[in-house]
Amino acid sequence: MAAGHLLEQRSRLSLKRLFRVLKWYRPFELTIAGQPVHAASPLPPEIAKLIAQLEA
């Protein structure tokens, strides 16, 4: 519960809204020719700023 409160304070978003925003930017793994390839979509500037706020 304290971790959730901390996330809400730093992001200034509700936990529900925070997870809705961030869930689209997860890294993923593809298998190409039998080899796993790790990939991620680039983060928009506003999402990068949000993550920086959470890490502070």
N, C-alpha and C. Protein backbone atom coordinates (compact mmCIF):
# COMPACT_ATOMS: atom_id res chain seq x y z
N MET A 1 0.83 -1.18 0.00
CA MET A 1 0.00 0.00 0.00
C MET A 1 0.88 1.26 0.00
N ALA A 2 1.95 1.22 0.73
CA ALA A 2 2.84 2.38 0.78
C ALA A 2 3.51 2.61 -0.57
N ALA A 3 3.83 1.53 -1.27
CA ALA A 3 4.46 1.67 -2.59
C ALA A 3 3.49 2.32 -3.57
N GLY A 4 2.23 1.94 -3.51
CA GLY A 4 1.22 2.55 -4.37
C GLY A 4 1.06 4.03 -4.08
N HIS A 5 1.07 4.37 -2.82
CA HIS A 5 0.96 5.78 -2.43
C HIS A 5 2.15 6.58 -2.94
N LEU A 6 3.33 6.01 -2.85
CA LEU A 6 4.53 6.67 -3.34
C LEU A 6 4.45 6.89 -4.86
N LEU A 7 4.00 5.87 -5.59
CA LEU A 7 3.85 6.01 -7.04
C LEU A 7 2.85 7.11 -7.40
N GLU A 8 1.75 7.17 -6.68
CA GLU A 8 0.74 8.21 -6.93
C GLU A 8 1.30 9.60 -6.64
N GLN A 9 2.06 9.72 -5.56
CA GLN A 9 2.64 11.02 -5.22
C GLN A 9 3.64 11.49 -6.26
N ARG A 10 4.53 10.60 -6.69
CA ARG A 10 5.57 10.99 -7.63
C ARG A 10 5.04 11.23 -9.04
N SER A 11 4.07 10.45 -9.47
CA SER A 11 3.56 10.60 -10.83
C SER A 11 2.43 11.62 -10.92
N ARG A 12 1.79 11.88 -9.79
CA ARG A 12 0.61 12.75 -9.73
C ARG A 12 -0.54 12.19 -10.56
N LEU A 13 -0.57 10.87 -10.69
CA LEU A 13 -1.65 10.15 -11.36
C LEU A 13 -2.17 9.07 -10.42
N SER A 14 -3.42 8.66 -10.61
CA SER A 14 -3.91 7.52 -9.84
C SER A 14 -3.19 6.27 -10.33
N LEU A 15 -3.15 5.23 -9.51
CA LEU A 15 -2.50 3.99 -9.92
C LEU A 15 -3.16 3.42 -11.18
N LYS A 16 -4.47 3.48 -11.24
CA LYS A 16 -5.19 2.96 -12.40
C LYS A 16 -4.75 3.69 -13.67
N ARG A 17 -4.70 5.00 -13.62
CA ARG A 17 -4.30 5.80 -14.78
C ARG A 17 -2.82 5.55 -15.13
N LEU A 18 -1.96 5.47 -14.12
CA LEU A 18 -0.54 5.23 -14.33
C LEU A 18 -0.31 3.91 -15.07
N PHE A 19 -0.97 2.85 -14.63
CA PHE A 19 -0.78 1.55 -15.27
C PHE A 19 -1.40 1.51 -16.66
N ARG A 20 -2.49 2.22 -16.87
CA ARG A 20 -3.06 2.30 -18.22
C ARG A 20 -2.10 2.97 -19.19
N VAL A 21 -1.43 4.00 -18.74
CA VAL A 21 -0.48 4.73 -19.58
C VAL A 21 0.76 3.88 -19.87
N LEU A 22 1.30 3.23 -18.85
CA LEU A 22 2.57 2.53 -18.99
C LEU A 22 2.46 1.14 -19.63
N LYS A 23 1.29 0.52 -19.61
CA LYS A 23 1.20 -0.86 -20.09
C LYS A 23 1.50 -1.00 -21.57
N TRP A 24 1.38 0.05 -22.35
CA TRP A 24 1.62 -0.01 -23.78
C TRP A 24 3.11 0.03 -24.12
N TYR A 25 3.96 0.31 -23.15
CA TYR A 25 5.39 0.49 -23.41
C TYR A 25 6.24 -0.59 -22.76
N ARG A 26 5.74 -1.80 -22.72
CA ARG A 26 6.50 -2.92 -22.17
C ARG A 26 7.43 -3.49 -23.24
N PRO A 27 8.60 -3.95 -22.85
CA PRO A 27 9.45 -4.66 -23.81
C PRO A 27 8.82 -6.01 -24.14
N PHE A 28 9.16 -6.56 -25.27
CA PHE A 28 8.61 -7.85 -25.66
C PHE A 28 9.68 -8.68 -26.36
N GLU A 29 9.39 -9.95 -26.53
CA GLU A 29 10.35 -10.87 -27.14
C GLU A 29 9.71 -11.54 -28.36
N LEU A 30 10.44 -11.55 -29.46
CA LEU A 30 10.02 -12.22 -30.68
C LEU A 30 10.95 -13.39 -30.94
N THR A 31 10.46 -14.39 -31.63
CA THR A 31 11.32 -15.49 -32.05
C THR A 31 11.42 -15.44 -33.57
N ILE A 32 12.61 -15.21 -34.06
CA ILE A 32 12.87 -15.13 -35.50
C ILE A 32 13.90 -16.18 -35.85
N ALA A 33 13.53 -17.08 -36.75
CA ALA A 33 14.41 -18.17 -37.17
C ALA A 33 14.95 -18.96 -35.97
N GLY A 34 14.07 -19.15 -34.98
CA GLY A 34 14.45 -19.92 -33.80
C GLY A 34 15.28 -19.16 -32.78
N GLN A 35 15.59 -17.90 -33.03
CA GLN A 35 16.40 -17.10 -32.10
C GLN A 35 15.51 -16.05 -31.42
N PRO A 36 15.60 -15.95 -30.10
CA PRO A 36 14.82 -14.90 -29.40
C PRO A 36 15.43 -13.52 -29.66
N VAL A 37 14.57 -12.57 -29.94
CA VAL A 37 14.98 -11.18 -30.17
C VAL A 37 14.19 -10.31 -29.20
N HIS A 38 14.88 -9.54 -28.38
CA HIS A 38 14.24 -8.65 -27.42
C HIS A 38 14.04 -7.29 -28.08
N ALA A 39 12.83 -6.75 -27.94
CA ALA A 39 12.51 -5.47 -28.58
C ALA A 39 11.67 -4.61 -27.66
N ALA A 40 11.68 -3.33 -27.93
CA ALA A 40 10.85 -2.39 -27.19
C ALA A 40 10.54 -1.21 -28.09
N SER A 41 9.36 -0.66 -27.92
CA SER A 41 9.03 0.53 -28.71
C SER A 41 9.67 1.75 -28.04
N PRO A 42 10.06 2.74 -28.83
CA PRO A 42 10.66 3.94 -28.23
C PRO A 42 9.63 4.69 -27.37
N LEU A 43 10.11 5.26 -26.29
CA LEU A 43 9.21 5.98 -25.38
C LEU A 43 8.99 7.41 -25.86
N PRO A 44 7.74 7.87 -25.88
CA PRO A 44 7.48 9.27 -26.16
C PRO A 44 8.07 10.14 -25.04
N PRO A 45 8.39 11.39 -25.34
CA PRO A 45 9.01 12.26 -24.32
C PRO A 45 8.20 12.38 -23.03
N GLU A 46 6.88 12.42 -23.12
CA GLU A 46 6.07 12.59 -21.90
C GLU A 46 6.13 11.33 -21.02
N ILE A 47 6.27 10.15 -21.63
CA ILE A 47 6.39 8.92 -20.86
C ILE A 47 7.78 8.85 -20.23
N ALA A 48 8.80 9.25 -20.96
CA ALA A 48 10.16 9.28 -20.41
C ALA A 48 10.23 10.23 -19.21
N LYS A 49 9.55 11.35 -19.31
CA LYS A 49 9.51 12.31 -18.19
C LYS A 49 8.79 11.70 -16.98
N LEU A 50 7.71 11.00 -17.24
CA LEU A 50 6.95 10.35 -16.16
C LEU A 50 7.82 9.31 -15.45
N ILE A 51 8.56 8.51 -16.21
CA ILE A 51 9.44 7.50 -15.61
C ILE A 51 10.55 8.17 -14.82
N ALA A 52 11.08 9.28 -15.31
CA ALA A 52 12.11 10.00 -14.56
C ALA A 52 11.55 10.51 -13.22
N GLN A 53 10.28 10.95 -13.20
CA GLN A 53 9.66 11.39 -11.96
C GLN A 53 9.54 10.23 -10.98
N LEU A 54 9.23 9.04 -11.47
CA LEU A 54 9.08 7.89 -10.59
C LEU A 54 10.41 7.43 -10.02
N GLU A 55 11.48 7.60 -10.79
CA GLU A 55 12.80 7.19 -10.33
C GLU A 55 13.43 8.19 -9.35
N ALA A 56 12.94 9.40 -9.31
CA ALA A 56 13.53 10.45 -8.45
C ALA A 56 13.32 10.16 -6.98
